[in-house]
Amino acid sequence: MTNLFSFEGGDWGIPMLTVLRVDPCIDENGEAHRTSRYELMNRDGVNARLIVRRGQEFYLRLHLNRDYDPSIDGLSIVFTLDGVKKPNYGNGTFVITPLLNLGEISEGAWQASLDSMEANSIRIK
C-alpha cells in the first residue's frame, strides 16, 4: 500500500517553512492599543515586550526562511498566558488557531489571518 501522506522535508523539492524571527510590531501595536508609553514596550531591542489590550486585533510580522505559499504551507499560532506553569485549553490559558488566508474569517473567539506577504515574511493579524 502506498503512503499518500508523506510529510518528510523535500517531498516537493521545497524546504520546510521555518519561522526565523517574530517582529511584534511594537510601535504600530503600541499606538493602536495606547500602550506605547509602558516601560516594557520601551526597553531596548530584544528586551522590549508587546503589550496589547484584550479584544483588540494586533499585528505580528514573521520572518521566514523562504516565501510563504498558502497552497502548500500550513501555519498555526499558539497562545499561552505568561506565568502559568501548565497552560490548559479548558481554563483559557492555552489557545491554538490556524492561520487563515486573506479574506477568510473564523467563527472562533480567537483567529489569526494573513494580512500581507512580502519576500520571506508575512504579516498576520
PDB file of N, CA and C in Angstrom:
ATOM      1  N   MET A   1       0.849  -1.182   0.000  1.00  0.00           N
ATOM      2  CA  MET A   1       0.000   0.000   0.000  1.00  0.00           C
ATOM      3  C   MET A   1       0.893   1.242   0.000  1.00  0.00           C
ATOM      4  N   THR A   2       0.571   2.210  -0.817  1.00  0.00           N
ATOM      5  CA  THR A   2       1.357   3.432  -0.944  1.00  0.00           C
ATOM      6  C   THR A   2       0.923   4.447   0.098  1.00  0.00           C
ATOM      7  N   ASN A   3       1.907   5.104   0.730  1.00  0.00           N
ATOM      8  CA  ASN A   3       1.607   6.157   1.697  1.00  0.00           C
ATOM      9  C   ASN A   3       1.343   7.454   0.937  1.00  0.00           C
ATOM     10  N   LEU A   4       0.088   7.900   0.935  1.00  0.00           N
ATOM     11  CA  LEU A   4      -0.280   9.119   0.214  1.00  0.00           C
ATOM     12  C   LEU A   4       0.082  10.378   0.976  1.00  0.00           C
ATOM     13  N   PHE A   5       0.331  10.258   2.263  1.00  0.00           N
ATOM     14  CA  PHE A   5       0.577  11.428   3.100  1.00  0.00           C
ATOM     15  C   PHE A   5       1.966  11.364   3.701  1.00  0.00           C
ATOM     16  N   SER A   6       2.944  11.756   2.942  1.00  0.00           N
ATOM     17  CA  SER A   6       4.315  11.790   3.421  1.00  0.00           C
ATOM     18  C   SER A   6       4.714  13.242   3.635  1.00  0.00           C
ATOM     19  N   PHE A   7       5.135  13.578   4.842  1.00  0.00           N
ATOM     20  CA  PHE A   7       5.458  14.959   5.170  1.00  0.00           C
ATOM     21  C   PHE A   7       6.934  15.163   5.450  1.00  0.00           C
ATOM     22  N   GLU A   8       7.757  14.245   5.002  1.00  0.00           N
ATOM     23  CA  GLU A   8       9.186  14.417   5.195  1.00  0.00           C
ATOM     24  C   GLU A   8       9.665  15.585   4.357  1.00  0.00           C
ATOM     25  N   GLY A   9      10.613  16.347   4.879  1.00  0.00           N
ATOM     26  CA  GLY A   9      11.139  17.510   4.168  1.00  0.00           C
ATOM     27  C   GLY A   9      11.625  17.153   2.776  1.00  0.00           C
ATOM     28  N   GLY A  10      11.358  18.034   1.830  1.00  0.00           N
ATOM     29  CA  GLY A  10      11.861  17.855   0.483  1.00  0.00           C
ATOM     30  C   GLY A  10      10.957  17.071  -0.444  1.00  0.00           C
ATOM     31  N   ASP A  11       9.738  16.696  -0.024  1.00  0.00           N
ATOM     32  CA  ASP A  11       8.844  15.946  -0.899  1.00  0.00           C
ATOM     33  C   ASP A  11       8.564  16.677  -2.204  1.00  0.00           C
ATOM     34  N   TRP A  12       8.469  17.973  -2.168  1.00  0.00           N
ATOM     35  CA  TRP A  12       8.209  18.761  -3.365  1.00  0.00           C
ATOM     36  C   TRP A  12       9.452  19.547  -3.777  1.00  0.00           C
ATOM     37  N   GLY A  13      10.568  19.212  -3.209  1.00  0.00           N
ATOM     38  CA  GLY A  13      11.785  19.945  -3.512  1.00  0.00           C
ATOM     39  C   GLY A  13      11.805  21.326  -2.887  1.00  0.00           C
ATOM     40  N   ILE A  14      10.944  21.548  -1.907  1.00  0.00           N
ATOM     41  CA  ILE A  14      10.832  22.847  -1.234  1.00  0.00           C
ATOM     42  C   ILE A  14      11.181  22.637   0.234  1.00  0.00           C
ATOM     43  N   PRO A  15      12.077  23.451   0.792  1.00  0.00           N
ATOM     44  CA  PRO A  15      12.412  23.274   2.212  1.00  0.00           C
ATOM     45  C   PRO A  15      11.215  23.568   3.116  1.00  0.00           C
ATOM     46  N   MET A  16      11.175  22.901   4.258  1.00  0.00           N
ATOM     47  CA  MET A  16      10.116  23.133   5.229  1.00  0.00           C
ATOM     48  C   MET A  16      10.121  24.602   5.652  1.00  0.00           C
ATOM     49  N   LEU A  17       8.941  25.193   5.746  1.00  0.00           N
ATOM     50  CA  LEU A  17       8.818  26.585   6.170  1.00  0.00           C
ATOM     51  C   LEU A  17       9.252  26.709   7.627  1.00  0.00           C
ATOM     52  N   THR A  18      10.146  27.651   7.893  1.00  0.00           N
ATOM     53  CA  THR A  18      10.666  27.861   9.237  1.00  0.00           C
ATOM     54  C   THR A  18      10.558  29.333   9.606  1.00  0.00           C
ATOM     55  N   VAL A  19      10.047  29.604  10.799  1.00  0.00           N
ATOM     56  CA  VAL A  19       9.999  30.977  11.301  1.00  0.00           C
ATOM     57  C   VAL A  19      11.368  31.293  11.889  1.00  0.00           C
ATOM     58  N   LEU A  20      12.028  32.304  11.331  1.00  0.00           N
ATOM     59  CA  LEU A  20      13.358  32.694  11.785  1.00  0.00           C
ATOM     60  C   LEU A  20      13.304  33.737  12.895  1.00  0.00           C
ATOM     61  N   ARG A  21      12.307  34.618  12.809  1.00  0.00           N
ATOM     62  CA  ARG A  21      12.204  35.707  13.789  1.00  0.00           C
ATOM     63  C   ARG A  21      10.778  36.229  13.792  1.00  0.00           C
ATOM     64  N   VAL A  22      10.319  36.658  14.955  1.00  0.00           N
ATOM     65  CA  VAL A  22       8.994  37.271  15.094  1.00  0.00           C
ATOM     66  C   VAL A  22       9.180  38.731  15.473  1.00  0.00           C
ATOM     67  N   ASP A  23       8.631  39.622  14.659  1.00  0.00           N
ATOM     68  CA  ASP A  23       8.638  41.058  14.947  1.00  0.00           C
ATOM     69  C   ASP A  23       7.282  41.400  15.552  1.00  0.00           C
ATOM     70  N   PRO A  24       7.239  41.828  16.815  1.00  0.00           N
ATOM     71  CA  PRO A  24       5.963  42.126  17.465  1.00  0.00           C
ATOM     72  C   PRO A  24       5.356  43.472  17.063  1.00  0.00           C
ATOM     73  N   CYS A  25       5.959  44.166  16.105  1.00  0.00           N
ATOM     74  CA  CYS A  25       5.430  45.453  15.607  1.00  0.00           C
ATOM     75  C   CYS A  25       5.105  46.379  16.783  1.00  0.00           C
ATOM     76  N   ILE A  26       6.093  46.544  17.656  1.00  0.00           N
ATOM     77  CA  ILE A  26       5.936  47.299  18.904  1.00  0.00           C
ATOM     78  C   ILE A  26       5.365  48.699  18.672  1.00  0.00           C
ATOM     79  N   ASP A  27       5.940  49.452  17.748  1.00  0.00           N
ATOM     80  CA  ASP A  27       5.486  50.831  17.542  1.00  0.00           C
ATOM     81  C   ASP A  27       4.036  50.885  17.070  1.00  0.00           C
ATOM     82  N   GLU A  28       3.721  50.109  16.053  1.00  0.00           N
ATOM     83  CA  GLU A  28       2.368  50.112  15.491  1.00  0.00           C
ATOM     84  C   GLU A  28       1.327  49.622  16.495  1.00  0.00           C
ATOM     85  N   ASN A  29       1.609  48.495  17.155  1.00  0.00           N
ATOM     86  CA  ASN A  29       0.664  47.957  18.129  1.00  0.00           C
ATOM     87  C   ASN A  29       0.551  48.851  19.362  1.00  0.00           C
ATOM     88  N   GLY A  30       1.669  49.428  19.792  1.00  0.00           N
ATOM     89  CA  GLY A  30       1.649  50.321  20.953  1.00  0.00           C
ATOM     90  C   GLY A  30       0.757  51.520  20.739  1.00  0.00           C
ATOM     91  N   GLU A  31       0.813  52.085  19.539  1.00  0.00           N
ATOM     92  CA  GLU A  31      -0.038  53.236  19.226  1.00  0.00           C
ATOM     93  C   GLU A  31      -1.509  52.822  19.163  1.00  0.00           C
ATOM     94  N   ALA A  32      -1.798  51.722  18.480  1.00  0.00           N
ATOM     95  CA  ALA A  32      -3.181  51.268  18.319  1.00  0.00           C
ATOM     96  C   ALA A  32      -3.820  50.859  19.643  1.00  0.00           C
ATOM     97  N   HIS A  33      -3.022  50.348  20.577  1.00  0.00           N
ATOM     98  CA  HIS A  33      -3.544  49.859  21.857  1.00  0.00           C
ATOM     99  C   HIS A  33      -3.321  50.840  23.008  1.00  0.00           C
ATOM    100  N   ARG A  34      -2.746  51.976  22.691  1.00  0.00           N
ATOM    101  CA  ARG A  34      -2.445  53.005  23.690  1.00  0.00           C
ATOM    102  C   ARG A  34      -1.579  52.439  24.829  1.00  0.00           C
ATOM    103  N   THR A  35      -0.581  51.642  24.443  1.00  0.00           N
ATOM    104  CA  THR A  35       0.346  51.056  25.418  1.00  0.00           C
ATOM    105  C   THR A  35       1.791  51.457  25.126  1.00  0.00           C
ATOM    106  N   SER A  36       1.977  52.395  24.214  1.00  0.00           N
ATOM    107  CA  SER A  36       3.328  52.747  23.766  1.00  0.00           C
ATOM    108  C   SER A  36       4.186  53.383  24.852  1.00  0.00           C
ATOM    109  N   ARG A  37       3.577  53.895  25.907  1.00  0.00           N
ATOM    110  CA  ARG A  37       4.361  54.539  26.966  1.00  0.00           C
ATOM    111  C   ARG A  37       4.681  53.591  28.125  1.00  0.00           C
ATOM    112  N   TYR A  38       4.220  52.356  28.047  1.00  0.00           N
ATOM    113  CA  TYR A  38       4.519  51.378  29.090  1.00  0.00           C
ATOM    114  C   TYR A  38       6.012  51.060  29.071  1.00  0.00           C
ATOM    115  N   GLU A  39       6.602  50.912  30.235  1.00  0.00           N
ATOM    116  CA  GLU A  39       8.043  50.664  30.349  1.00  0.00           C
ATOM    117  C   GLU A  39       8.463  49.411  29.584  1.00  0.00           C
ATOM    118  N   LEU A  40       7.693  48.336  29.664  1.00  0.00           N
ATOM    119  CA  LEU A  40       8.043  47.099  28.962  1.00  0.00           C
ATOM    120  C   LEU A  40       8.114  47.289  27.451  1.00  0.00           C
ATOM    121  N   MET A  41       7.294  48.177  26.930  1.00  0.00           N
ATOM    122  CA  MET A  41       7.275  48.431  25.485  1.00  0.00           C
ATOM    123  C   MET A  41       8.467  49.283  25.051  1.00  0.00           C
ATOM    124  N   ASN A  42       9.073  50.003  25.982  1.00  0.00           N
ATOM    125  CA  ASN A  42      10.151  50.937  25.646  1.00  0.00           C
ATOM    126  C   ASN A  42      11.546  50.434  25.980  1.00  0.00           C
ATOM    127  N   ARG A  43      11.674  49.190  26.331  1.00  0.00           N
ATOM    128  CA  ARG A  43      13.005  48.632  26.591  1.00  0.00           C
ATOM    129  C   ARG A  43      13.800  48.569  25.295  1.00  0.00           C
ATOM    130  N   ASP A  44      15.116  48.514  25.417  1.00  0.00           N
ATOM    131  CA  ASP A  44      15.991  48.472  24.243  1.00  0.00           C
ATOM    132  C   ASP A  44      15.926  47.121  23.540  1.00  0.00           C
ATOM    133  N   GLY A  45      15.813  47.166  22.216  1.00  0.00           N
ATOM    134  CA  GLY A  45      15.953  45.989  21.356  1.00  0.00           C
ATOM    135  C   GLY A  45      15.124  44.793  21.739  1.00  0.00           C
ATOM    136  N   VAL A  46      15.812  43.651  21.904  1.00  0.00           N
ATOM    137  CA  VAL A  46      15.121  42.386  22.154  1.00  0.00           C
ATOM    138  C   VAL A  46      14.471  42.316  23.528  1.00  0.00           C
ATOM    139  N   ASN A  47      14.763  43.265  24.407  1.00  0.00           N
ATOM    140  CA  ASN A  47      14.166  43.271  25.739  1.00  0.00           C
ATOM    141  C   ASN A  47      12.770  43.889  25.760  1.00  0.00           C
ATOM    142  N   ALA A  48      12.370  44.565  24.676  1.00  0.00           N
ATOM    143  CA  ALA A  48      11.031  45.159  24.604  1.00  0.00           C
ATOM    144  C   ALA A  48       9.991  44.044  24.572  1.00  0.00           C
ATOM    145  N   ARG A  49       8.847  44.276  25.195  1.00  0.00           N
ATOM    146  CA  ARG A  49       7.766  43.295  25.254  1.00  0.00           C
ATOM    147  C   ARG A  49       6.483  43.919  24.744  1.00  0.00           C
ATOM    148  N   LEU A  50       5.746  43.148  23.962  1.00  0.00           N
ATOM    149  CA  LEU A  50       4.482  43.607  23.402  1.00  0.00           C
ATOM    150  C   LEU A  50       3.391  43.576  24.468  1.00  0.00           C
ATOM    151  N   ILE A  51       2.682  44.680  24.596  1.00  0.00           N
ATOM    152  CA  ILE A  51       1.523  44.757  25.487  1.00  0.00           C
ATOM    153  C   ILE A  51       0.344  45.214  24.643  1.00  0.00           C
ATOM    154  N   VAL A  52      -0.701  44.385  24.593  1.00  0.00           N
ATOM    155  CA  VAL A  52      -1.898  44.718  23.828  1.00  0.00           C
ATOM    156  C   VAL A  52      -3.117  44.600  24.731  1.00  0.00           C
ATOM    157  N   ARG A  53      -4.195  45.215  24.303  1.00  0.00           N
ATOM    158  CA  ARG A  53      -5.431  45.185  25.086  1.00  0.00           C
ATOM    159  C   ARG A  53      -6.316  44.029  24.618  1.00  0.00           C
ATOM    160  N   ARG A  54      -6.934  43.391  25.582  1.00  0.00           N
ATOM    161  CA  ARG A  54      -7.815  42.260  25.308  1.00  0.00           C
ATOM    162  C   ARG A  54      -8.936  42.678  24.355  1.00  0.00           C
ATOM    163  N   GLY A  55      -9.200  41.839  23.372  1.00  0.00           N
ATOM    164  CA  GLY A  55     -10.305  42.073  22.458  1.00  0.00           C
ATOM    165  C   GLY A  55      -9.969  42.905  21.237  1.00  0.00           C
ATOM    166  N   GLN A  56      -8.774  43.487  21.176  1.00  0.00           N
ATOM    167  CA  GLN A  56      -8.366  44.281  20.018  1.00  0.00           C
ATOM    168  C   GLN A  56      -7.403  43.467  19.171  1.00  0.00           C
ATOM    169  N   GLU A  57      -7.527  43.616  17.842  1.00  0.00           N
ATOM    170  CA  GLU A  57      -6.585  42.915  16.974  1.00  0.00           C
ATOM    171  C   GLU A  57      -5.209  43.559  17.068  1.00  0.00           C
ATOM    172  N   PHE A  58      -4.192  42.760  16.804  1.00  0.00           N
ATOM    173  CA  PHE A  58      -2.819  43.257  16.785  1.00  0.00           C
ATOM    174  C   PHE A  58      -2.074  42.560  15.657  1.00  0.00           C
ATOM    175  N   TYR A  59      -0.916  43.078  15.333  1.00  0.00           N
ATOM    176  CA  TYR A  59      -0.141  42.577  14.199  1.00  0.00           C
ATOM    177  C   TYR A  59       1.188  41.981  14.650  1.00  0.00           C
ATOM    178  N   LEU A  60       1.619  40.959  13.925  1.00  0.00           N
ATOM    179  CA  LEU A  60       2.940  40.361  14.082  1.00  0.00           C
ATOM    180  C   LEU A  60       3.517  40.165  12.684  1.00  0.00           C
ATOM    181  N   ARG A  61       4.810  40.351  12.537  1.00  0.00           N
ATOM    182  CA  ARG A  61       5.475  40.036  11.273  1.00  0.00           C
ATOM    183  C   ARG A  61       6.379  38.840  11.526  1.00  0.00           C
ATOM    184  N   LEU A  62       6.192  37.795  10.729  1.00  0.00           N
ATOM    185  CA  LEU A  62       7.011  36.596  10.823  1.00  0.00           C
ATOM    186  C   LEU A  62       8.033  36.608   9.695  1.00  0.00           C
ATOM    187  N   HIS A  63       9.305  36.528  10.052  1.00  0.00           N
ATOM    188  CA  HIS A  63      10.385  36.446   9.070  1.00  0.00           C
ATOM    189  C   HIS A  63      10.687  34.963   8.858  1.00  0.00           C
ATOM    190  N   LEU A  64      10.674  34.534   7.603  1.00  0.00           N
ATOM    191  CA  LEU A  64      10.712  33.121   7.254  1.00  0.00           C
ATOM    192  C   LEU A  64      11.963  32.764   6.455  1.00  0.00           C
ATOM    193  N   ASN A  65      12.262  31.480   6.380  1.00  0.00           N
ATOM    194  CA  ASN A  65      13.419  31.018   5.611  1.00  0.00           C
ATOM    195  C   ASN A  65      13.160  31.026   4.103  1.00  0.00           C
ATOM    196  N   ARG A  66      11.900  31.190   3.695  1.00  0.00           N
ATOM    197  CA  ARG A  66      11.526  31.269   2.281  1.00  0.00           C
ATOM    198  C   ARG A  66      10.161  31.942   2.185  1.00  0.00           C
ATOM    199  N   ASP A  67       9.711  32.192   0.968  1.00  0.00           N
ATOM    200  CA  ASP A  67       8.393  32.793   0.785  1.00  0.00           C
ATOM    201  C   ASP A  67       7.296  31.853   1.275  1.00  0.00           C
ATOM    202  N   TYR A  68       6.270  32.421   1.873  1.00  0.00           N
ATOM    203  CA  TYR A  68       5.099  31.673   2.324  1.00  0.00           C
ATOM    204  C   TYR A  68       4.205  31.397   1.123  1.00  0.00           C
ATOM    205  N   ASP A  69       3.769  30.151   0.970  1.00  0.00           N
ATOM    206  CA  ASP A  69       2.872  29.764  -0.119  1.00  0.00           C
ATOM    207  C   ASP A  69       1.629  29.138   0.499  1.00  0.00           C
ATOM    208  N   PRO A  70       0.504  29.878   0.540  1.00  0.00           N
ATOM    209  CA  PRO A  70      -0.708  29.360   1.184  1.00  0.00           C
ATOM    210  C   PRO A  70      -1.208  28.042   0.595  1.00  0.00           C
ATOM    211  N   SER A  71      -0.832  27.729  -0.641  1.00  0.00           N
ATOM    212  CA  SER A  71      -1.320  26.492  -1.256  1.00  0.00           C
ATOM    213  C   SER A  71      -0.611  25.246  -0.722  1.00  0.00           C
ATOM    214  N   ILE A  72       0.565  25.399  -0.133  1.00  0.00           N
ATOM    215  CA  ILE A  72       1.289  24.229   0.389  1.00  0.00           C
ATOM    216  C   ILE A  72       1.701  24.360   1.848  1.00  0.00           C
ATOM    217  N   ASP A  73       1.714  25.572   2.382  1.00  0.00           N
ATOM    218  CA  ASP A  73       2.181  25.777   3.754  1.00  0.00           C
ATOM    219  C   ASP A  73       1.007  25.862   4.724  1.00  0.00           C
ATOM    220  N   GLY A  74       1.168  25.236   5.863  1.00  0.00           N
ATOM    221  CA  GLY A  74       0.198  25.352   6.947  1.00  0.00           C
ATOM    222  C   GLY A  74       0.894  25.962   8.146  1.00  0.00           C
ATOM    223  N   LEU A  75       0.223  26.887   8.808  1.00  0.00           N
ATOM    224  CA  LEU A  75       0.834  27.556   9.946  1.00  0.00           C
ATOM    225  C   LEU A  75      -0.239  27.765  11.007  1.00  0.00           C
ATOM    226  N   SER A  76       0.067  27.455  12.240  1.00  0.00           N
ATOM    227  CA  SER A  76      -0.845  27.700  13.360  1.00  0.00           C
ATOM    228  C   SER A  76      -0.136  28.550  14.397  1.00  0.00           C
ATOM    229  N   ILE A  77      -0.900  29.360  15.094  1.00  0.00           N
ATOM    230  CA  ILE A  77      -0.371  30.222  16.144  1.00  0.00           C
ATOM    231  C   ILE A  77      -0.815  29.648  17.486  1.00  0.00           C
ATOM    232  N   VAL A  78       0.128  29.535  18.414  1.00  0.00           N
ATOM    233  CA  VAL A  78      -0.160  29.026  19.756  1.00  0.00           C
ATOM    234  C   VAL A  78      -0.033  30.181  20.738  1.00  0.00           C
ATOM    235  N   PHE A  79      -1.100  30.454  21.475  1.00  0.00           N
ATOM    236  CA  PHE A  79      -1.105  31.492  22.501  1.00  0.00           C
ATOM    237  C   PHE A  79      -1.154  30.826  23.869  1.00  0.00           C
ATOM    238  N   THR A  80      -0.276  31.274  24.773  1.00  0.00           N
ATOM    239  CA  THR A  80      -0.341  30.829  26.163  1.00  0.00           C
ATOM    240  C   THR A  80      -0.261  32.055  27.059  1.00  0.00           C
ATOM    241  N   LEU A  81      -0.797  31.944  28.242  1.00  0.00           N
ATOM    242  CA  LEU A  81      -0.758  33.038  29.204  1.00  0.00           C
ATOM    243  C   LEU A  81       0.570  32.984  29.949  1.00  0.00           C
ATOM    244  N   ASP A  82       1.310  34.083  29.927  1.00  0.00           N
ATOM    245  CA  ASP A  82       2.617  34.158  30.565  1.00  0.00           C
ATOM    246  C   ASP A  82       2.482  33.958  32.074  1.00  0.00           C
ATOM    247  N   GLY A  83       3.391  33.198  32.630  1.00  0.00           N
ATOM    248  CA  GLY A  83       3.418  32.990  34.072  1.00  0.00           C
ATOM    249  C   GLY A  83       2.631  31.776  34.536  1.00  0.00           C
ATOM    250  N   VAL A  84       1.887  31.141  33.647  1.00  0.00           N
ATOM    251  CA  VAL A  84       1.117  29.951  34.015  1.00  0.00           C
ATOM    252  C   VAL A  84       2.012  28.734  33.822  1.00  0.00           C
ATOM    253  N   LYS A  85       2.175  27.928  34.882  1.00  0.00           N
ATOM    254  CA  LYS A  85       3.094  26.790  34.817  1.00  0.00           C
ATOM    255  C   LYS A  85       2.629  25.716  33.842  1.00  0.00           C
ATOM    256  N   LYS A  86       1.327  25.436  33.816  1.00  0.00           N
ATOM    257  CA  LYS A  86       0.786  24.411  32.924  1.00  0.00           C
ATOM    258  C   LYS A  86      -0.418  24.979  32.178  1.00  0.00           C
ATOM    259  N   PRO A  87      -0.163  25.713  31.079  1.00  0.00           N
ATOM    260  CA  PRO A  87      -1.287  26.261  30.311  1.00  0.00           C
ATOM    261  C   PRO A  87      -2.248  25.154  29.886  1.00  0.00           C
ATOM    262  N   ASN A  88      -3.539  25.489  29.865  1.00  0.00           N
ATOM    263  CA  ASN A  88      -4.574  24.496  29.655  1.00  0.00           C
ATOM    264  C   ASN A  88      -5.693  25.101  28.816  1.00  0.00           C
ATOM    265  N   TYR A  89      -6.142  24.381  27.791  1.00  0.00           N
ATOM    266  CA  TYR A  89      -7.220  24.867  26.937  1.00  0.00           C
ATOM    267  C   TYR A  89      -8.503  25.099  27.742  1.00  0.00           C
ATOM    268  N   GLY A  90      -8.811  24.182  28.634  1.00  0.00           N
ATOM    269  CA  GLY A  90     -10.047  24.251  29.414  1.00  0.00           C
ATOM    270  C   GLY A  90     -10.180  25.496  30.267  1.00  0.00           C
ATOM    271  N   ASN A  91      -9.072  26.016  30.784  1.00  0.00           N
ATOM    272  CA  ASN A  91      -9.173  27.223  31.616  1.00  0.00           C
ATOM    273  C   ASN A  91      -8.781  28.489  30.855  1.00  0.00           C
ATOM    274  N   GLY A  92      -8.629  28.372  29.529  1.00  0.00           N
ATOM    275  CA  GLY A  92      -8.399  29.550  28.696  1.00  0.00           C
ATOM    276  C   GLY A  92      -6.985  30.096  28.698  1.00  0.00           C
ATOM    277  N   THR A  93      -6.020  29.326  29.175  1.00  0.00           N
ATOM    278  CA  THR A  93      -4.633  29.800  29.192  1.00  0.00           C
ATOM    279  C   THR A  93      -3.802  29.214  28.050  1.00  0.00           C
ATOM    280  N   PHE A  94      -4.460  28.452  27.162  1.00  0.00           N
ATOM    281  CA  PHE A  94      -3.792  27.812  26.032  1.00  0.00           C
ATOM    282  C   PHE A  94      -4.754  27.803  24.847  1.00  0.00           C
ATOM    283  N   VAL A  95      -4.356  28.431  23.731  1.00  0.00           N
ATOM    284  CA  VAL A  95      -5.213  28.509  22.543  1.00  0.00           C
ATOM    285  C   VAL A  95      -4.359  28.254  21.305  1.00  0.00           C
ATOM    286  N   ILE A  96      -4.870  27.458  20.384  1.00  0.00           N
ATOM    287  CA  ILE A  96      -4.221  27.244  19.091  1.00  0.00           C
ATOM    288  C   ILE A  96      -5.200  27.673  18.007  1.00  0.00           C
ATOM    289  N   THR A  97      -4.716  28.464  17.054  1.00  0.00           N
ATOM    290  CA  THR A  97      -5.566  28.888  15.946  1.00  0.00           C
ATOM    291  C   THR A  97      -4.788  28.779  14.638  1.00  0.00           C
ATOM    292  N   PRO A  98      -5.420  28.226  13.592  1.00  0.00           N
ATOM    293  CA  PRO A  98      -4.732  28.152  12.303  1.00  0.00           C
ATOM    294  C   PRO A  98      -4.644  29.533  11.662  1.00  0.00           C
ATOM    295  N   LEU A  99      -3.649  29.722  10.828  1.00  0.00           N
ATOM    296  CA  LEU A  99      -3.528  30.968  10.076  1.00  0.00           C
ATOM    297  C   LEU A  99      -4.506  30.909   8.908  1.00  0.00           C
ATOM    298  N   LEU A 100      -5.428  31.858   8.870  1.00  0.00           N
ATOM    299  CA  LEU A 100      -6.414  31.942   7.798  1.00  0.00           C
ATOM    300  C   LEU A 100      -5.832  32.740   6.639  1.00  0.00           C
ATOM    301  N   ASN A 101      -6.245  32.415   5.430  1.00  0.00           N
ATOM    302  CA  ASN A 101      -5.787  33.144   4.252  1.00  0.00           C
ATOM    303  C   ASN A 101      -6.472  34.499   4.163  1.00  0.00           C
ATOM    304  N   LEU A 102      -5.952  35.360   3.298  1.00  0.00           N
ATOM    305  CA  LEU A 102      -6.532  36.689   3.089  1.00  0.00           C
ATOM    306  C   LEU A 102      -8.032  36.574   2.840  1.00  0.00           C
ATOM    307  N   GLY A 103      -8.820  37.337   3.586  1.00  0.00           N
ATOM    308  CA  GLY A 103     -10.261  37.372   3.387  1.00  0.00           C
ATOM    309  C   GLY A 103     -11.050  36.298   4.101  1.00  0.00           C
ATOM    310  N   GLU A 104     -10.400  35.263   4.629  1.00  0.00           N
ATOM    311  CA  GLU A 104     -11.117  34.220   5.363  1.00  0.00           C
ATOM    312  C   GLU A 104     -11.457  34.715   6.759  1.00  0.00           C
ATOM    313  N   ILE A 105     -12.564  34.237   7.299  1.00  0.00           N
ATOM    314  CA  ILE A 105     -12.924  34.562   8.677  1.00  0.00           C
ATOM    315  C   ILE A 105     -13.234  33.271   9.425  1.00  0.00           C
ATOM    316  N   SER A 106     -13.174  33.346  10.735  1.00  0.00           N
ATOM    317  CA  SER A 106     -13.402  32.187  11.582  1.00  0.00           C
ATOM    318  C   SER A 106     -14.535  32.489  12.544  1.00  0.00           C
ATOM    319  N   GLU A 107     -15.247  31.455  12.925  1.00  0.00           N
ATOM    320  CA  GLU A 107     -16.330  31.596  13.899  1.00  0.00           C
ATOM    321  C   GLU A 107     -15.789  31.602  15.330  1.00  0.00           C
ATOM    322  N   GLY A 108     -14.539  31.192  15.506  1.00  0.00           N
ATOM    323  CA  GLY A 108     -13.961  31.089  16.838  1.00  0.00           C
ATOM    324  C   GLY A 108     -13.662  32.437  17.466  1.00  0.00           C
ATOM    325  N   ALA A 109     -13.515  32.426  18.773  1.00  0.00           N
ATOM    326  CA  ALA A 109     -13.202  33.657  19.506  1.00  0.00           C
ATOM    327  C   ALA A 109     -11.802  34.153  19.160  1.00  0.00           C
ATOM    328  N   TRP A 110     -10.883  33.232  18.914  1.00  0.00           N
ATOM    329  CA  TRP A 110      -9.511  33.578  18.547  1.00  0.00           C
ATOM    330  C   TRP A 110      -9.314  33.280  17.077  1.00  0.00           C
ATOM    331  N   GLN A 111      -8.629  34.166  16.382  1.00  0.00           N
ATOM    332  CA  GLN A 111      -8.269  33.885  14.996  1.00  0.00           C
ATOM    333  C   GLN A 111      -7.007  34.633  14.624  1.00  0.00           C
ATOM    334  N   ALA A 112      -6.304  34.089  13.665  1.00  0.00           N
ATOM    335  CA  ALA A 112      -5.110  34.726  13.104  1.00  0.00           C
ATOM    336  C   ALA A 112      -5.275  34.667  11.598  1.00  0.00           C
ATOM    337  N   SER A 113      -5.121  35.801  10.942  1.00  0.00           N
ATOM    338  CA  SER A 113      -5.297  35.811   9.492  1.00  0.00           C
ATOM    339  C   SER A 113      -4.125  36.507   8.815  1.00  0.00           C
ATOM    340  N   LEU A 114      -3.859  36.059   7.607  1.00  0.00           N
ATOM    341  CA  LEU A 114      -2.807  36.638   6.792  1.00  0.00           C
ATOM    342  C   LEU A 114      -3.225  38.045   6.403  1.00  0.00           C
ATOM    343  N   ASP A 115      -2.380  39.032   6.684  1.00  0.00           N
ATOM    344  CA  ASP A 115      -2.676  40.423   6.350  1.00  0.00           C
ATOM    345  C   ASP A 115      -1.931  40.842   5.087  1.00  0.00           C
ATOM    346  N   SER A 116      -0.661  40.446   4.972  1.00  0.00           N
ATOM    347  CA  SER A 116       0.121  40.762   3.774  1.00  0.00           C
ATOM    348  C   SER A 116       1.319  39.826   3.685  1.00  0.00           C
ATOM    349  N   MET A 117       1.864  39.734   2.474  1.00  0.00           N
ATOM    350  CA  MET A 117       3.044  38.898   2.234  1.00  0.00           C
ATOM    351  C   MET A 117       4.101  39.729   1.519  1.00  0.00           C
ATOM    352  N   GLU A 118       5.337  39.534   1.917  1.00  0.00           N
ATOM    353  CA  GLU A 118       6.492  40.127   1.250  1.00  0.00           C
ATOM    354  C   GLU A 118       7.520  39.016   1.086  1.00  0.00           C
ATOM    355  N   ALA A 119       8.636  39.330   0.470  1.00  0.00           N
ATOM    356  CA  ALA A 119       9.685  38.328   0.299  1.00  0.00           C
ATOM    357  C   ALA A 119      10.131  37.813   1.666  1.00  0.00           C
ATOM    358  N   ASN A 120       9.997  36.522   1.879  1.00  0.00           N
ATOM    359  CA  ASN A 120      10.434  35.841   3.103  1.00  0.00           C
ATOM    360  C   ASN A 120       9.802  36.378   4.382  1.00  0.00           C
ATOM    361  N   SER A 121       8.647  37.007   4.301  1.00  0.00           N
ATOM    362  CA  SER A 121       7.962  37.423   5.526  1.00  0.00           C
ATOM    363  C   SER A 121       6.466  37.555   5.271  1.00  0.00           C
ATOM    364  N   ILE A 122       5.711  37.380   6.343  1.00  0.00           N
ATOM    365  CA  ILE A 122       4.271  37.599   6.292  1.00  0.00           C
ATOM    366  C   ILE A 122       3.875  38.447   7.486  1.00  0.00           C
ATOM    367  N   ARG A 123       2.814  39.197   7.309  1.00  0.00           N
ATOM    368  CA  ARG A 123       2.256  39.986   8.402  1.00  0.00           C
ATOM    369  C   ARG A 123       0.913  39.362   8.728  1.00  0.00           C
ATOM    370  N   ILE A 124       0.700  39.085  10.015  1.00  0.00           N
ATOM    371  CA  ILE A 124      -0.559  38.475  10.431  1.00  0.00           C
ATOM    372  C   ILE A 124      -1.265  39.380  11.418  1.00  0.00           C
ATOM    373  N   LYS A 125      -2.594  39.261  11.461  1.00  0.00           N
ATOM    374  CA  LYS A 125      -3.384  39.992  12.453  1.00  0.00           C
ATOM    375  C   LYS A 125      -4.342  39.042  13.114  1.00  0.00           C
TER     376      LYS A 125
END
